C-alpha cells in the first residue's frame, strides 16, 4: 500500500499530519494534541515503543514498522468484511424464519377462531330450532285441547237432542244449548287453525335457520380449504428460505424436514376431517360427530404448530452453536495466521502487545 501523506510516527496512531504552512518549516513527526494512557503524547508513546524494541534486540526502523503495521491492517480489513456479510446473512435468515412462523401461527389462530364462531352460530340455530319445535308441540297440544272441546260440545249437543226428544217442553233450552255448542265448536276450530298456522311458520323458520347454518358450515369448509392453500404457500416460501440459507443452515435441515412432515400430517388430518364432515351432512347427529372430529383436527394442528415452534427454537439454538463454532474456527484461523507470519510481522504484533501493556515511567 503506497501512502504519500505524512502520518504520525506512533504505530498505534498513524493519523494524517497537517502539511507545513506557507512559510515552510520542519514537518511534524507526531500528533500534537492526541493523548494516550496516563496523558502521554504520541511522541512519548513512540519513544516507549522504541525502548521496548531495543530491549528485545529488534530493529526499530520507523519505515519498516509502518509497512508491517499497514500490511497487518490490510489482512484484518480483508477478514472483517466477509465476516460482517456472513453475520448479516444469518440475521436476515433468522428474521425471515421468524416472520414465516408468525404468519403460520396467525393463520391457524384465525382458522380456529372462525371455526369457534361457526360452532357458536350453529348452537344458536339449534337452540332456535328447539324453540320452534317447542312452539309446534304447544300448538299441537292446543289443537288436541280444541278437539277435546269440540267433542265435548258434540256430546252436549247430543244430550240436548235427547232432552228435546224426551221433553218437548225443554225445546227452547235445547235449542239454546245447541247454539252454544256450535259457537264453542267454531271457536275451537278457529283456535286449531291458528295453532296450525303458527306451527307451519315455526317449521319454516326452523328450515330457514337450518339452511343458513348449512351455508355457514360450507363457508367454514371453504375457509379451511383456503387456509390449507395458504399453508402450502407458506411451506413453499419456507423451502425457498431453506435454499437461500444454504450451508449456513446445514445443521438445521433435519429439524425443518421434520417440521414439514408434521405440517403434511396436519394437512392430511384436516383433509380427513373435511371428508368426514362432508359425509356426515346427511343427518344431524353425523354432522355433529364430524364437526367434533374437525375441531379435534384443528386442535391437533395447533399443537403441531406449537411443536414446530419448539423445533424452531431448537434450530435457533443450533444456529447459535454454529456461530460459536464459527468463532472458534476464526480463532483457529487467527492462530494459524499468527504461526504463518514472518518475523517482521510477528515483531509488529509484539510491539502492539507491548504498547497495550501498562507503560513504565516516561523517559526524559
Foldseek 3Di string as FASTA:
>chain_A
DDDPFQFALQQVGRHGFDADDPVDDDGDRHDDPDADPPRDGSVLLLVLLVVVCVVVVHDSDSVLLNVLSVVVVVVVVVVVVVVVVVVVLVVVLLVVVVVLLVVLLVLLVVLLVLLVVLVVLVVVLVVLLVVLVVLLVVLVVLLVVLVVLLVVLVVQLVVLVVVCVVDVVCVVVSVVSNVVSVVSNVVSVVSNVVSVVSSVVSVVVSVVSVVVSVVSVVVSLVSVVVSLVVVVVSLVVVVVSVVSCPPLLVVLPVLVVVLVVLNVVLVVQLVVLSVQCVVQPPDPVSNVVSSVSNSVSSVSVSVSSVVNVVSSVVSVVVSVVVVVVVVVVVVVVVVVVLVVDDPSSVVSVVSVVVSPPDGDDGDD
